[in-house]
């Protein structure tokens, strides 16, 4: 049986959950570009490698703009030492089809250097790679 004190406590907890959820929903978030680079891949199998330091708990976006007829992908990972060698731990991949720009979003799970491979599966040509960070007010 719930008494008055218990009912009041439940009401306060529920109110806190509702207010907290509303505050989270009202937060204004946007992305800022931290860096952008133009590159060129010479054909299937060619790749460029970029590295960036990421902060745990922050949401990031990597974008790749490709030309018509090109199928370039992006793979994002960090490395972990397993005692004998460095192992790649993939956190995001953009693997859309031919002529489609790539965009991956993810939240960094650790403070560490991350690597981004820009890979040509089909075609050759120019691309623009940009790196963005989410900011919330």
Protein backbone atom coordinates (compact mmCIF):
# COMPACT_ATOMS: atom_id res chain seq x y z
CA UNK A 1 0.00 0.00 0.00
CA UNK A 2 1.37 3.43 -0.93
CA UNK A 3 1.16 6.13 1.69
CA UNK A 4 1.23 9.91 1.10
CA UNK A 5 5.00 10.27 1.55
CA UNK A 6 5.64 7.44 -0.88
CA UNK A 7 3.20 8.93 -3.41
CA UNK A 8 4.88 12.34 -3.11
CA UNK A 9 8.31 10.79 -3.64
CA UNK A 10 7.12 8.92 -6.74
CA UNK A 11 5.61 12.16 -8.09
CA UNK A 12 8.92 14.04 -7.55
CA UNK A 13 10.95 11.29 -9.26
CA UNK A 14 8.55 11.20 -12.23
CA UNK A 15 8.65 14.99 -12.51
CA UNK A 16 12.47 14.94 -12.48
CA UNK A 17 12.50 12.33 -15.26
CA UNK A 18 10.03 14.33 -17.38
CA UNK A 19 11.85 17.64 -16.84
CA UNK A 20 15.23 16.02 -17.53
CA UNK A 21 13.91 14.46 -20.73
CA UNK A 22 12.42 17.77 -21.87
CA UNK A 23 15.69 19.59 -21.18
CA UNK A 24 17.59 17.01 -23.22
CA UNK A 25 15.09 17.26 -26.06
CA UNK A 26 15.34 21.07 -26.05
CA UNK A 27 19.16 21.07 -26.34
CA UNK A 28 20.28 22.70 -29.53
CA UNK A 29 22.93 20.69 -31.36
CA UNK A 30 24.86 21.43 -34.55
CA UNK A 31 28.08 20.34 -36.25
CA UNK A 32 31.18 22.44 -36.80
CA UNK A 33 33.80 21.55 -39.41
CA UNK A 34 37.19 20.99 -37.81
CA UNK A 35 39.06 20.19 -41.01
CA UNK A 36 38.50 19.59 -44.70
CA UNK A 37 40.93 18.25 -47.28
CA UNK A 38 40.82 17.57 -51.00
CA UNK A 39 42.37 14.38 -52.32
CA UNK A 40 42.73 12.20 -55.37
CA UNK A 41 42.54 8.40 -55.73
CA UNK A 42 44.14 6.88 -58.82
CA UNK A 43 41.92 3.79 -59.17
CA UNK A 44 40.54 0.66 -57.54
CA UNK A 45 42.53 -0.27 -54.44
CA UNK A 46 44.15 3.13 -53.98
CA UNK A 47 43.67 4.65 -50.53
CA UNK A 48 44.56 7.68 -48.44
CA UNK A 49 44.94 7.55 -44.66
CA UNK A 50 44.13 10.35 -42.22
CA UNK A 51 44.49 10.41 -38.43
CA UNK A 52 42.72 12.53 -35.81
CA UNK A 53 42.64 12.68 -32.01
CA UNK A 54 39.08 12.17 -30.75
CA UNK A 55 37.54 12.84 -27.35
CA UNK A 56 35.51 10.18 -25.56
CA UNK A 57 31.79 10.92 -25.44
CA UNK A 58 31.83 13.45 -28.29
CA UNK A 59 29.77 12.81 -31.44
CA UNK A 60 31.61 13.15 -34.76
CA UNK A 61 30.76 13.12 -38.44
CA UNK A 62 33.11 12.18 -41.27
CA UNK A 63 31.95 13.15 -44.75
CA UNK A 64 33.29 12.17 -48.14
CA UNK A 65 32.15 13.87 -51.34
CA UNK A 66 32.88 11.85 -54.48
CA UNK A 67 32.54 12.34 -58.20
CA UNK A 68 29.88 10.85 -60.44
CA UNK A 69 30.84 7.27 -61.30
CA UNK A 70 33.25 6.85 -58.37
CA UNK A 71 32.70 4.42 -55.50
CA UNK A 72 34.91 5.63 -52.65
CA UNK A 73 34.35 4.47 -49.06
CA UNK A 74 35.50 5.56 -45.61
CA UNK A 75 36.47 3.24 -42.76
CA UNK A 76 37.08 4.66 -39.27
CA UNK A 77 39.06 2.76 -36.63
CA UNK A 78 41.48 3.03 -33.74
CA UNK A 79 44.31 0.65 -32.87
CA UNK A 80 44.71 -1.57 -29.80
CA UNK A 81 47.92 -3.38 -28.82
CA UNK A 82 47.13 -7.07 -28.19
CA UNK A 83 50.57 -7.90 -26.79
CA UNK A 84 52.04 -8.89 -30.17
CA UNK A 85 50.71 -6.46 -32.74
CA UNK A 86 48.35 -3.55 -33.32
CA UNK A 87 44.76 -4.61 -34.02
CA UNK A 88 42.29 -2.36 -35.82
CA UNK A 89 39.00 -1.72 -33.97
CA UNK A 90 36.49 -0.42 -36.51
CA UNK A 91 33.93 2.09 -35.20
CA UNK A 92 32.22 3.32 -38.39
CA UNK A 93 32.08 2.67 -42.13
CA UNK A 94 30.58 4.54 -45.04
CA UNK A 95 30.04 2.04 -47.87
CA UNK A 96 27.40 3.56 -50.13
CA UNK A 97 27.29 2.80 -53.85
CA UNK A 98 28.76 4.36 -56.95
CA UNK A 99 28.44 8.14 -57.21
CA UNK A 100 27.01 8.47 -53.68
CA UNK A 101 28.65 10.67 -51.04
CA UNK A 102 29.53 9.00 -47.74
CA UNK A 103 28.64 10.28 -44.27
CA UNK A 104 29.17 8.44 -40.98
CA UNK A 105 28.19 9.56 -37.49
CA UNK A 106 29.44 8.04 -34.24
CA UNK A 107 30.31 8.87 -30.64
CA UNK A 108 33.93 8.25 -29.66
CA UNK A 109 34.19 5.53 -27.03
CA UNK A 110 37.69 6.53 -25.90
CA UNK A 111 40.25 9.33 -25.95
CA UNK A 112 42.62 8.13 -28.65
CA UNK A 113 43.90 8.61 -32.15
CA UNK A 114 41.46 7.40 -34.79
CA UNK A 115 42.32 6.62 -38.40
CA UNK A 116 40.20 7.17 -41.47
CA UNK A 117 40.89 5.22 -44.66
CA UNK A 118 39.49 6.72 -47.85
CA UNK A 119 39.41 3.81 -50.30
CA UNK A 120 38.60 3.55 -54.00
CA UNK A 121 36.51 0.51 -54.88
CA UNK A 122 35.56 1.72 -58.36
CA UNK A 123 36.81 4.70 -60.30
CA UNK A 124 39.43 7.34 -59.88
CA UNK A 125 39.21 11.02 -59.24
CA UNK A 126 38.95 13.85 -56.79
CA UNK A 127 37.21 13.78 -53.44
CA UNK A 128 36.67 16.10 -50.48
CA UNK A 129 36.95 14.67 -46.99
CA UNK A 130 35.65 16.69 -44.02
CA UNK A 131 35.73 16.08 -40.30
CA UNK A 132 33.04 17.59 -38.06
CA UNK A 133 32.26 17.65 -34.34
CA UNK A 134 28.86 17.99 -32.70
CA UNK A 135 28.31 20.91 -30.34
CA UNK A 136 25.23 20.99 -28.06
CA UNK A 137 23.99 23.94 -26.03
